[in-house]
């Protein structure tokens, strides 16, 4: 990101779900994964 855009925000996450991860187990164990936190923000 080389410029400031008012309609782009960043939420830092420490984990990510890998392509080889077990789907259900990964979302339950990786609470701080980018996908999980994004999904939780929609639920809330």
ModelCIF file with pLDDT and N, C-alpha, C, O atoms, coordinates in Angstrom:
data_MODEL
#
_entry.id   MODEL 
#
_entity.id                         1 
_entity.type                       polymer 
_entity.pdbx_number_of_molecules   1 
#
_entity_poly.entity_id                      1 
_entity_poly.type                           'polypeptide(L)' 
_entity_poly.nstd_linkage                   no 
_entity_poly.nstd_monomer                   no 
_entity_poly.pdbx_seq_one_letter_code       
;(UNK)(UNK)(UNK)(UNK)(UNK)(UNK)(UNK)(UNK)(UNK)(UNK)(UNK)(UNK)(UNK)(UNK)(UNK)(UNK)
(UNK)(UNK)(UNK)(UNK)(UNK)(UNK)(UNK)(UNK)(UNK)(UNK)(UNK)(UNK)(UNK)(UNK)(UNK)(UNK)
(UNK)(UNK)(UNK)(UNK)(UNK)(UNK)(UNK)(UNK)(UNK)(UNK)(UNK)(UNK)
;
_entity_poly.pdbx_seq_one_letter_code_can   XXXXXXXXXXXXXXXXXXXXXXXXXXXXXXXXXXXXXXXXXXXX 
_entity_poly.pdbx_strand_id                 A 
#
loop_
_entity_poly_seq.entity_id 
_entity_poly_seq.num 
_entity_poly_seq.mon_id 
_entity_poly_seq.hetero 
1 1  UNK n 
1 2  UNK n 
1 3  UNK n 
1 4  UNK n 
1 5  UNK n 
1 6  UNK n 
1 7  UNK n 
1 8  UNK n 
1 9  UNK n 
1 10 UNK n 
1 11 UNK n 
1 12 UNK n 
1 13 UNK n 
1 14 UNK n 
1 15 UNK n 
1 16 UNK n 
1 17 UNK n 
1 18 UNK n 
1 19 UNK n 
1 20 UNK n 
1 21 UNK n 
1 22 UNK n 
1 23 UNK n 
1 24 UNK n 
1 25 UNK n 
1 26 UNK n 
1 27 UNK n 
1 28 UNK n 
1 29 UNK n 
1 30 UNK n 
1 31 UNK n 
1 32 UNK n 
1 33 UNK n 
1 34 UNK n 
1 35 UNK n 
1 36 UNK n 
1 37 UNK n 
1 38 UNK n 
1 39 UNK n 
1 40 UNK n 
1 41 UNK n 
1 42 UNK n 
1 43 UNK n 
1 44 UNK n 
#
_struct_asym.id          A 
_struct_asym.entity_id   1 
#
loop_
_ma_qa_metric.id 
_ma_qa_metric.mode 
_ma_qa_metric.name 
_ma_qa_metric.software_group_id 
_ma_qa_metric.type 
1 global pLDDT . pLDDT 
2 local  pLDDT . pLDDT 
#
_ma_qa_metric_global.metric_id      1 
_ma_qa_metric_global.metric_value   92.39 
_ma_qa_metric_global.model_id       1 
_ma_qa_metric_global.ordinal_id     1 
#
loop_
_ma_qa_metric_local.label_asym_id 
_ma_qa_metric_local.label_comp_id 
_ma_qa_metric_local.label_seq_id 
_ma_qa_metric_local.metric_id 
_ma_qa_metric_local.metric_value 
_ma_qa_metric_local.model_id 
_ma_qa_metric_local.ordinal_id 
A UNK 1  2 92.00 1 1  
A UNK 2  2 87.00 1 2  
A UNK 3  2 84.00 1 3  
A UNK 4  2 85.00 1 4  
A UNK 5  2 89.00 1 5  
A UNK 6  2 91.00 1 6  
A UNK 7  2 94.00 1 7  
A UNK 8  2 95.00 1 8  
A UNK 9  2 95.00 1 9  
A UNK 10 2 96.00 1 10 
A UNK 11 2 96.00 1 11 
A UNK 12 2 96.00 1 12 
A UNK 13 2 95.00 1 13 
A UNK 14 2 92.00 1 14 
A UNK 15 2 92.00 1 15 
A UNK 16 2 91.00 1 16 
A UNK 17 2 92.00 1 17 
A UNK 18 2 90.00 1 18 
A UNK 19 2 85.00 1 19 
A UNK 20 2 88.00 1 20 
A UNK 21 2 88.00 1 21 
A UNK 22 2 92.00 1 22 
A UNK 23 2 88.00 1 23 
A UNK 24 2 91.00 1 24 
A UNK 25 2 92.00 1 25 
A UNK 26 2 91.00 1 26 
A UNK 27 2 91.00 1 27 
A UNK 28 2 91.00 1 28 
A UNK 29 2 93.00 1 29 
A UNK 30 2 92.00 1 30 
A UNK 31 2 92.00 1 31 
A UNK 32 2 93.00 1 32 
A UNK 33 2 94.00 1 33 
A UNK 34 2 95.00 1 34 
A UNK 35 2 96.00 1 35 
A UNK 36 2 95.00 1 36 
A UNK 37 2 96.00 1 37 
A UNK 38 2 96.00 1 38 
A UNK 39 2 96.00 1 39 
A UNK 40 2 96.00 1 40 
A UNK 41 2 96.00 1 41 
A UNK 42 2 96.00 1 42 
A UNK 43 2 95.00 1 43 
A UNK 44 2 95.00 1 44 
#
loop_
_atom_site.group_PDB 
_atom_site.id 
_atom_site.type_symbol 
_atom_site.label_atom_id 
_atom_site.label_alt_id 
_atom_site.label_comp_id 
_atom_site.label_asym_id 
_atom_site.label_entity_id 
_atom_site.label_seq_id 
_atom_site.pdbx_PDB_ins_code 
_atom_site.Cartn_x 
_atom_site.Cartn_y 
_atom_site.Cartn_z 
_atom_site.occupancy 
_atom_site.B_iso_or_equiv 
_atom_site.pdbx_formal_charge 
_atom_site.auth_seq_id 
_atom_site.auth_comp_id 
_atom_site.auth_asym_id 
_atom_site.auth_atom_id 
_atom_site.pdbx_PDB_model_num 
ATOM 1   N N  . UNK A 1 1  ? 0.862   -1.192  0.000  1.00 92.00 ? 1  UNK A N  1 
ATOM 2   C CA . UNK A 1 1  ? 0.000   0.000   0.000  1.00 92.00 ? 1  UNK A CA 1 
ATOM 3   C C  . UNK A 1 1  ? 0.893   1.235   0.000  1.00 92.00 ? 1  UNK A C  1 
ATOM 4   O O  . UNK A 1 1  ? 1.546   1.547   0.995  1.00 92.00 ? 1  UNK A O  1 
ATOM 5   N N  . UNK A 1 2  ? 0.908   1.924   -1.127 1.00 87.00 ? 2  UNK A N  1 
ATOM 6   C CA . UNK A 1 2  ? 1.801   3.073   -1.304 1.00 87.00 ? 2  UNK A CA 1 
ATOM 7   C C  . UNK A 1 2  ? 1.094   4.415   -1.152 1.00 87.00 ? 2  UNK A C  1 
ATOM 8   O O  . UNK A 1 2  ? 1.705   5.469   -1.330 1.00 87.00 ? 2  UNK A O  1 
ATOM 9   N N  . UNK A 1 3  ? -0.179  4.372   -0.827 1.00 84.00 ? 3  UNK A N  1 
ATOM 10  C CA . UNK A 1 3  ? -0.942  5.606   -0.664 1.00 84.00 ? 3  UNK A CA 1 
ATOM 11  C C  . UNK A 1 3  ? -1.994  5.408   0.409  1.00 84.00 ? 3  UNK A C  1 
ATOM 12  O O  . UNK A 1 3  ? -2.349  4.279   0.747  1.00 84.00 ? 3  UNK A O  1 
ATOM 13  N N  . UNK A 1 4  ? -2.480  6.498   0.933  1.00 85.00 ? 4  UNK A N  1 
ATOM 14  C CA . UNK A 1 4  ? -3.482  6.428   2.000  1.00 85.00 ? 4  UNK A CA 1 
ATOM 15  C C  . UNK A 1 4  ? -4.876  6.490   1.400  1.00 85.00 ? 4  UNK A C  1 
ATOM 16  O O  . UNK A 1 4  ? -5.223  7.443   0.702  1.00 85.00 ? 4  UNK A O  1 
ATOM 17  N N  . UNK A 1 5  ? -5.662  5.478   1.676  1.00 89.00 ? 5  UNK A N  1 
ATOM 18  C CA . UNK A 1 5  ? -7.039  5.417   1.184  1.00 89.00 ? 5  UNK A CA 1 
ATOM 19  C C  . UNK A 1 5  ? -7.984  5.349   2.372  1.00 89.00 ? 5  UNK A C  1 
ATOM 20  O O  . UNK A 1 5  ? -7.825  4.508   3.257  1.00 89.00 ? 5  UNK A O  1 
ATOM 21  N N  . UNK A 1 6  ? -8.964  6.237   2.387  1.00 91.00 ? 6  UNK A N  1 
ATOM 22  C CA . UNK A 1 6  ? -9.883  6.307   3.526  1.00 91.00 ? 6  UNK A CA 1 
ATOM 23  C C  . UNK A 1 6  ? -10.730 5.049   3.685  1.00 91.00 ? 6  UNK A C  1 
ATOM 24  O O  . UNK A 1 6  ? -11.159 4.724   4.792  1.00 91.00 ? 6  UNK A O  1 
ATOM 25  N N  . UNK A 1 7  ? -10.973 4.340   2.583  1.00 94.00 ? 7  UNK A N  1 
ATOM 26  C CA . UNK A 1 7  ? -11.867 3.182   2.650  1.00 94.00 ? 7  UNK A CA 1 
ATOM 27  C C  . UNK A 1 7  ? -11.113 1.846   2.624  1.00 94.00 ? 7  UNK A C  1 
ATOM 28  O O  . UNK A 1 7  ? -11.665 0.833   2.196  1.00 94.00 ? 7  UNK A O  1 
ATOM 29  N N  . UNK A 1 8  ? -9.866  1.842   3.078  1.00 95.00 ? 8  UNK A N  1 
ATOM 30  C CA . UNK A 1 8  ? -9.132  0.598   3.319  1.00 95.00 ? 8  UNK A CA 1 
ATOM 31  C C  . UNK A 1 8  ? -8.616  0.619   4.755  1.00 95.00 ? 8  UNK A C  1 
ATOM 32  O O  . UNK A 1 8  ? -7.955  1.566   5.180  1.00 95.00 ? 8  UNK A O  1 
ATOM 33  N N  . UNK A 1 9  ? -8.933  -0.444  5.494  1.00 95.00 ? 9  UNK A N  1 
ATOM 34  C CA . UNK A 1 9  ? -8.475  -0.588  6.870  1.00 95.00 ? 9  UNK A CA 1 
ATOM 35  C C  . UNK A 1 9  ? -7.701  -1.893  7.003  1.00 95.00 ? 9  UNK A C  1 
ATOM 36  O O  . UNK A 1 9  ? -7.901  -2.824  6.224  1.00 95.00 ? 9  UNK A O  1 
ATOM 37  N N  . UNK A 1 10 ? -6.827  -1.954  7.982  1.00 96.00 ? 10 UNK A N  1 
ATOM 38  C CA . UNK A 1 10 ? -6.035  -3.157  8.244  1.00 96.00 ? 10 UNK A CA 1 
ATOM 39  C C  . UNK A 1 10 ? -6.261  -3.604  9.680  1.00 96.00 ? 10 UNK A C  1 
ATOM 40  O O  . UNK A 1 10 ? -6.181  -2.803  10.612 1.00 96.00 ? 10 UNK A O  1 
ATOM 41  N N  . UNK A 1 11 ? -6.545  -4.891  9.848  1.00 96.00 ? 11 UNK A N  1 
ATOM 42  C CA . UNK A 1 11 ? -6.633  -5.491  11.179 1.00 96.00 ? 11 UNK A CA 1 
ATOM 43  C C  . UNK A 1 11 ? -5.542  -6.549  11.265 1.00 96.00 ? 11 UNK A C  1 
ATOM 44  O O  . UNK A 1 11 ? -5.561  -7.531  10.523 1.00 96.00 ? 11 UNK A O  1 
ATOM 45  N N  . UNK A 1 12 ? -4.604  -6.349  12.161 1.00 96.00 ? 12 UNK A N  1 
ATOM 46  C CA . UNK A 1 12 ? -3.465  -7.265  12.271 1.00 96.00 ? 12 UNK A CA 1 
ATOM 47  C C  . UNK A 1 12 ? -3.889  -8.603  12.868 1.00 96.00 ? 12 UNK A C  1 
ATOM 48  O O  . UNK A 1 12 ? -4.638  -8.654  13.843 1.00 96.00 ? 12 UNK A O  1 
ATOM 49  N N  . UNK A 1 13 ? -3.394  -9.685  12.263 1.00 95.00 ? 13 UNK A N  1 
ATOM 50  C CA . UNK A 1 13 ? -3.605  -11.032 12.793 1.00 95.00 ? 13 UNK A CA 1 
ATOM 51  C C  . UNK A 1 13 ? -2.263  -11.759 12.819 1.00 95.00 ? 13 UNK A C  1 
ATOM 52  O O  . UNK A 1 13 ? -1.397  -11.506 11.982 1.00 95.00 ? 13 UNK A O  1 
ATOM 53  N N  . UNK A 1 14 ? -2.098  -12.650 13.770 1.00 92.00 ? 14 UNK A N  1 
ATOM 54  C CA . UNK A 1 14 ? -0.819  -13.355 13.936 1.00 92.00 ? 14 UNK A CA 1 
ATOM 55  C C  . UNK A 1 14 ? -0.763  -14.700 13.214 1.00 92.00 ? 14 UNK A C  1 
ATOM 56  O O  . UNK A 1 14 ? 0.320   -15.238 12.985 1.00 92.00 ? 14 UNK A O  1 
ATOM 57  N N  . UNK A 1 15 ? -1.924  -15.241 12.856 1.00 92.00 ? 15 UNK A N  1 
ATOM 58  C CA . UNK A 1 15 ? -1.957  -16.578 12.254 1.00 92.00 ? 15 UNK A CA 1 
ATOM 59  C C  . UNK A 1 15 ? -2.641  -16.552 10.902 1.00 92.00 ? 15 UNK A C  1 
ATOM 60  O O  . UNK A 1 15 ? -3.335  -15.597 10.556 1.00 92.00 ? 15 UNK A O  1 
ATOM 61  N N  . UNK A 1 16 ? -2.431  -17.626 10.138 1.00 91.00 ? 16 UNK A N  1 
ATOM 62  C CA . UNK A 1 16 ? -3.150  -17.831 8.879  1.00 91.00 ? 16 UNK A CA 1 
ATOM 63  C C  . UNK A 1 16 ? -3.464  -19.309 8.734  1.00 91.00 ? 16 UNK A C  1 
ATOM 64  O O  . UNK A 1 16 ? -2.757  -20.162 9.270  1.00 91.00 ? 16 UNK A O  1 
ATOM 65  N N  . UNK A 1 17 ? -4.523  -19.600 8.010  1.00 92.00 ? 17 UNK A N  1 
ATOM 66  C CA . UNK A 1 17 ? -4.888  -20.984 7.740  1.00 92.00 ? 17 UNK A CA 1 
ATOM 67  C C  . UNK A 1 17 ? -4.211  -21.404 6.447  1.00 92.00 ? 17 UNK A C  1 
ATOM 68  O O  . UNK A 1 17 ? -4.400  -20.769 5.409  1.00 92.00 ? 17 UNK A O  1 
ATOM 69  N N  . UNK A 1 18 ? -3.427  -22.465 6.504  1.00 90.00 ? 18 UNK A N  1 
ATOM 70  C CA . UNK A 1 18 ? -2.697  -22.956 5.340  1.00 90.00 ? 18 UNK A CA 1 
ATOM 71  C C  . UNK A 1 18 ? -3.607  -23.817 4.465  1.00 90.00 ? 18 UNK A C  1 
ATOM 72  O O  . UNK A 1 18 ? -4.648  -24.300 4.910  1.00 90.00 ? 18 UNK A O  1 
ATOM 73  N N  . UNK A 1 19 ? -3.193  -23.995 3.220  1.00 85.00 ? 19 UNK A N  1 
ATOM 74  C CA . UNK A 1 19 ? -4.009  -24.763 2.276  1.00 85.00 ? 19 UNK A CA 1 
ATOM 75  C C  . UNK A 1 19 ? -4.150  -26.223 2.691  1.00 85.00 ? 19 UNK A C  1 
ATOM 76  O O  . UNK A 1 19 ? -5.155  -26.864 2.383  1.00 85.00 ? 19 UNK A O  1 
ATOM 77  N N  . UNK A 1 20 ? -3.134  -26.756 3.398  1.00 88.00 ? 20 UNK A N  1 
ATOM 78  C CA . UNK A 1 20 ? -3.173  -28.162 3.790  1.00 88.00 ? 20 UNK A CA 1 
ATOM 79  C C  . UNK A 1 20 ? -3.819  -28.387 5.149  1.00 88.00 ? 20 UNK A C  1 
ATOM 80  O O  . UNK A 1 20 ? -3.951  -29.534 5.576  1.00 88.00 ? 20 UNK A O  1 
ATOM 81  N N  . UNK A 1 21 ? -4.224  -27.332 5.837  1.00 88.00 ? 21 UNK A N  1 
ATOM 82  C CA . UNK A 1 21 ? -4.828  -27.472 7.166  1.00 88.00 ? 21 UNK A CA 1 
ATOM 83  C C  . UNK A 1 21 ? -6.191  -28.152 7.098  1.00 88.00 ? 21 UNK A C  1 
ATOM 84  O O  . UNK A 1 21 ? -6.941  -27.968 6.139  1.00 88.00 ? 21 UNK A O  1 
ATOM 85  N N  . UNK A 1 22 ? -6.499  -28.928 8.110  1.00 92.00 ? 22 UNK A N  1 
ATOM 86  C CA . UNK A 1 22 ? -7.835  -29.517 8.224  1.00 92.00 ? 22 UNK A CA 1 
ATOM 87  C C  . UNK A 1 22 ? -8.844  -28.391 8.452  1.00 92.00 ? 22 UNK A C  1 
ATOM 88  O O  . UNK A 1 22 ? -8.663  -27.587 9.366  1.00 92.00 ? 22 UNK A O  1 
ATOM 89  N N  . UNK A 1 23 ? -9.899  -28.315 7.644  1.00 88.00 ? 23 UNK A N  1 
ATOM 90  C CA . UNK A 1 23 ? -10.820 -27.167 7.686  1.00 88.00 ? 23 UNK A CA 1 
ATOM 91  C C  . UNK A 1 23 ? -11.430 -26.886 9.057  1.00 88.00 ? 23 UNK A C  1 
ATOM 92  O O  . UNK A 1 23 ? -11.256 -25.791 9.594  1.00 88.00 ? 23 UNK A O  1 
ATOM 93  N N  . UNK A 1 24 ? -12.132 -27.846 9.624  1.00 91.00 ? 24 UNK A N  1 
ATOM 94  C CA . UNK A 1 24 ? -12.843 -27.602 10.879 1.00 91.00 ? 24 UNK A CA 1 
ATOM 95  C C  . UNK A 1 24 ? -11.867 -27.440 12.038 1.00 91.00 ? 24 UNK A C  1 
ATOM 96  O O  . UNK A 1 24 ? -12.023 -26.542 12.865 1.00 91.00 ? 24 UNK A O  1 
ATOM 97  N N  . UNK A 1 25 ? -10.867 -28.305 12.096 1.00 92.00 ? 25 UNK A N  1 
ATOM 98  C CA . UNK A 1 25 ? -9.887  -28.222 13.177 1.00 92.00 ? 25 UNK A CA 1 
ATOM 99  C C  . UNK A 1 25 ? -9.141  -26.889 13.161 1.00 92.00 ? 25 UNK A C  1 
ATOM 100 O O  . UNK A 1 25 ? -8.866  -26.314 14.213 1.00 92.00 ? 25 UNK A O  1 
ATOM 101 N N  . UNK A 1 26 ? -8.816  -26.403 11.968 1.00 91.00 ? 26 UNK A N  1 
ATOM 102 C CA . UNK A 1 26 ? -8.031  -25.170 11.867 1.00 91.00 ? 26 UNK A CA 1 
ATOM 103 C C  . UNK A 1 26 ? -8.801  -23.951 12.358 1.00 91.00 ? 26 UNK A C  1 
ATOM 104 O O  . UNK A 1 26 ? -8.228  -23.084 13.017 1.00 91.00 ? 26 UNK A O  1 
ATOM 105 N N  . UNK A 1 27 ? -10.095 -23.875 12.044 1.00 91.00 ? 27 UNK A N  1 
ATOM 106 C CA . UNK A 1 27 ? -10.840 -22.690 12.491 1.00 91.00 ? 27 UNK A CA 1 
ATOM 107 C C  . UNK A 1 27 ? -11.121 -22.729 13.984 1.00 91.00 ? 27 UNK A C  1 
ATOM 108 O O  . UNK A 1 27 ? -11.380 -21.693 14.596 1.00 91.00 ? 27 UNK A O  1 
ATOM 109 N N  . UNK A 1 28 ? -11.071 -23.920 14.575 1.00 91.00 ? 28 UNK A N  1 
ATOM 110 C CA . UNK A 1 28 ? -11.279 -24.038 16.019 1.00 91.00 ? 28 UNK A CA 1 
ATOM 111 C C  . UNK A 1 28 ? -9.994  -23.799 16.803 1.00 91.00 ? 28 UNK A C  1 
ATOM 112 O O  . UNK A 1 28 ? -10.029 -23.298 17.927 1.00 91.00 ? 28 UNK A O  1 
ATOM 113 N N  . UNK A 1 29 ? -8.864  -24.158 16.207 1.00 93.00 ? 29 UNK A N  1 
ATOM 114 C CA . UNK A 1 29 ? -7.594  -24.030 16.915 1.00 93.00 ? 29 UNK A CA 1 
ATOM 115 C C  . UNK A 1 29 ? -6.896  -22.701 16.632 1.00 93.00 ? 29 UNK A C  1 
ATOM 116 O O  . UNK A 1 29 ? -6.224  -22.149 17.503 1.00 93.00 ? 29 UNK A O  1 
ATOM 117 N N  . UNK A 1 30 ? -7.058  -22.198 15.424 1.00 92.00 ? 30 UNK A N  1 
ATOM 118 C CA . UNK A 1 30 ? -6.372  -20.952 15.053 1.00 92.00 ? 30 UNK A CA 1 
ATOM 119 C C  . UNK A 1 30 ? -7.336  -19.772 15.202 1.00 92.00 ? 30 UNK A C  1 
ATOM 120 O O  . UNK A 1 30 ? -7.807  -19.201 14.218 1.00 92.00 ? 30 UNK A O  1 
ATOM 121 N N  . UNK A 1 31 ? -7.611  -19.429 16.444 1.00 92.00 ? 31 UNK A N  1 
ATOM 122 C CA . UNK A 1 31 ? -8.584  -18.372 16.730 1.00 92.00 ? 31 UNK A CA 1 
ATOM 123 C C  . UNK A 1 31 ? -8.146  -17.009 16.190 1.00 92.00 ? 31 UNK A C  1 
ATOM 124 O O  . UNK A 1 31 ? -8.986  -16.154 15.907 1.00 92.00 ? 31 UNK A O  1 
ATOM 125 N N  . UNK A 1 32 ? -6.818  -16.804 16.045 1.00 93.00 ? 32 UNK A N  1 
ATOM 126 C CA . UNK A 1 32 ? -6.306  -15.519 15.597 1.00 93.00 ? 32 UNK A CA 1 
ATOM 127 C C  . UNK A 1 32 ? -5.944  -15.528 14.110 1.00 93.00 ? 32 UNK A C  1 
ATOM 128 O O  . UNK A 1 32 ? -5.265  -14.618 13.635 1.00 93.00 ? 32 UNK A O  1 
ATOM 129 N N  . UNK A 1 33 ? -6.387  -16.540 13.380 1.00 94.00 ? 33 UNK A N  1 
ATOM 130 C CA . UNK A 1 33 ? -6.119  -16.597 11.938 1.00 94.00 ? 33 UNK A CA 1 
ATOM 131 C C  . UNK A 1 33 ? -6.914  -15.522 11.212 1.00 94.00 ? 33 UNK A C  1 
ATOM 132 O O  . UNK A 1 33 ? -8.005  -15.147 11.640 1.00 94.00 ? 33 UNK A O  1 
ATOM 133 N N  . UNK A 1 34 ? -6.361  -15.032 10.117 1.00 95.00 ? 34 UNK A N  1 
ATOM 134 C CA . UNK A 1 34 ? -6.990  -13.942 9.366  1.00 95.00 ? 34 UNK A CA 1 
ATOM 135 C C  . UNK A 1 34 ? -8.404  -14.308 8.911  1.00 95.00 ? 34 UNK A C  1 
ATOM 136 O O  . UNK A 1 34 ? -9.314  -13.485 9.009  1.00 95.00 ? 34 UNK A O  1 
ATOM 137 N N  . UNK A 1 35 ? -8.595  -15.524 8.417  1.00 96.00 ? 35 UNK A N  1 
ATOM 138 C CA . UNK A 1 35 ? -9.916  -15.938 7.956  1.00 96.00 ? 35 UNK A CA 1 
ATOM 139 C C  . UNK A 1 35 ? -10.911 -16.014 9.099  1.00 96.00 ? 35 UNK A C  1 
ATOM 140 O O  . UNK A 1 35 ? -12.054 -15.578 8.968  1.00 96.00 ? 35 UNK A O  1 
ATOM 141 N N  . UNK A 1 36 ? -10.476 -16.566 10.211 1.00 95.00 ? 36 UNK A N  1 
ATOM 142 C CA . UNK A 1 36 ? -11.361 -16.738 11.364 1.00 95.00 ? 36 UNK A CA 1 
ATOM 143 C C  . UNK A 1 36 ? -11.765 -15.389 11.943 1.00 95.00 ? 36 UNK A C  1 
ATOM 144 O O  . UNK A 1 36 ? -12.937 -15.173 12.250 1.00 95.00 ? 36 UNK A O  1 
ATOM 145 N N  . UNK A 1 37 ? -10.815 -14.491 12.092 1.00 96.00 ? 37 UNK A N  1 
ATOM 146 C CA . UNK A 1 37 ? -11.128 -13.173 12.644 1.00 96.00 ? 37 UNK A CA 1 
ATOM 147 C C  . UNK A 1 37 ? -12.024 -12.373 11.706 1.00 96.00 ? 37 UNK A C  1 
ATOM 148 O O  . UNK A 1 37 ? -12.895 -11.630 12.156 1.00 96.00 ? 37 UNK A O  1 
ATOM 149 N N  . UNK A 1 38 ? -11.807 -12.528 10.393 1.00 96.00 ? 38 UNK A N  1 
ATOM 150 C CA . UNK A 1 38 ? -12.666 -11.849 9.415  1.00 96.00 ? 38 UNK A CA 1 
ATOM 151 C C  . UNK A 1 38 ? -14.088 -12.393 9.490  1.00 96.00 ? 38 UNK A C  1 
ATOM 152 O O  . UNK A 1 38 ? -15.052 -11.628 9.440  1.00 96.00 ? 38 UNK A O  1 
ATOM 153 N N  . UNK A 1 39 ? -14.220 -13.717 9.612  1.00 96.00 ? 39 UNK A N  1 
ATOM 154 C CA . UNK A 1 39 ? -15.549 -14.333 9.724  1.00 96.00 ? 39 UNK A CA 1 
ATOM 155 C C  . UNK A 1 39 ? -16.254 -13.889 10.997 1.00 96.00 ? 39 UNK A C  1 
ATOM 156 O O  . UNK A 1 39 ? -17.452 -13.607 10.990 1.00 96.00 ? 39 UNK A O  1 
ATOM 157 N N  . UNK A 1 40 ? -15.496 -13.829 12.095 1.00 96.00 ? 40 UNK A N  1 
ATOM 158 C CA . UNK A 1 40 ? -16.090 -13.418 13.364 1.00 96.00 ? 40 UNK A CA 1 
ATOM 159 C C  . UNK A 1 40 ? -16.586 -11.968 13.295 1.00 96.00 ? 40 UNK A C  1 
ATOM 160 O O  . UNK A 1 40 ? -17.604 -11.628 13.896 1.00 96.00 ? 40 UNK A O  1 
ATOM 161 N N  . UNK A 1 41 ? -15.868 -11.126 12.566 1.00 96.00 ? 41 UNK A N  1 
ATOM 162 C CA . UNK A 1 41 ? -16.286 -9.725  12.438 1.00 96.00 ? 41 UNK A CA 1 
ATOM 163 C C  . UNK A 1 41 ? -17.617 -9.612  11.699 1.00 96.00 ? 41 UNK A C  1 
ATOM 164 O O  . UNK A 1 41 ? -18.406 -8.705  11.963 1.00 96.00 ? 41 UNK A O  1 
ATOM 165 N N  . UNK A 1 42 ? -17.863 -10.543 10.768 1.00 96.00 ? 42 UNK A N  1 
ATOM 166 C CA . UNK A 1 42 ? -19.143 -10.545 10.053 1.00 96.00 ? 42 UNK A CA 1 
ATOM 167 C C  . UNK A 1 42 ? -20.254 -11.048 10.964 1.00 96.00 ? 42 UNK A C  1 
ATOM 168 O O  . UNK A 1 42 ? -21.354 -10.497 10.978 1.00 96.00 ? 42 UNK A O  1 
ATOM 169 N N  . UNK A 1 43 ? -19.958 -12.096 11.723 1.00 95.00 ? 43 UNK A N  1 
ATOM 170 C CA . UNK A 1 43 ? -20.954 -12.615 12.673 1.00 95.00 ? 43 UNK A CA 1 
ATOM 171 C C  . UNK A 1 43 ? -21.369 -11.527 13.657 1.00 95.00 ? 43 UNK A C  1 
ATOM 172 O O  . UNK A 1 43 ? -22.546 -11.403 13.997 1.00 95.00 ? 43 UNK A O  1 
ATOM 173 N N  . UNK A 1 44 ? -20.403 -10.744 14.109 1.00 95.00 ? 44 UNK A N  1 
ATOM 174 C CA . UNK A 1 44 ? -20.669 -9.691  15.093 1.00 95.00 ? 44 UNK A CA 1 
ATOM 175 C C  . UNK A 1 44 ? -21.145 -8.397  14.440 1.00 95.00 ? 44 UNK A C  1 
ATOM 176 O O  . UNK A 1 44 ? -21.411 -7.416  15.134 1.00 95.00 ? 44 UNK A O  1 
#
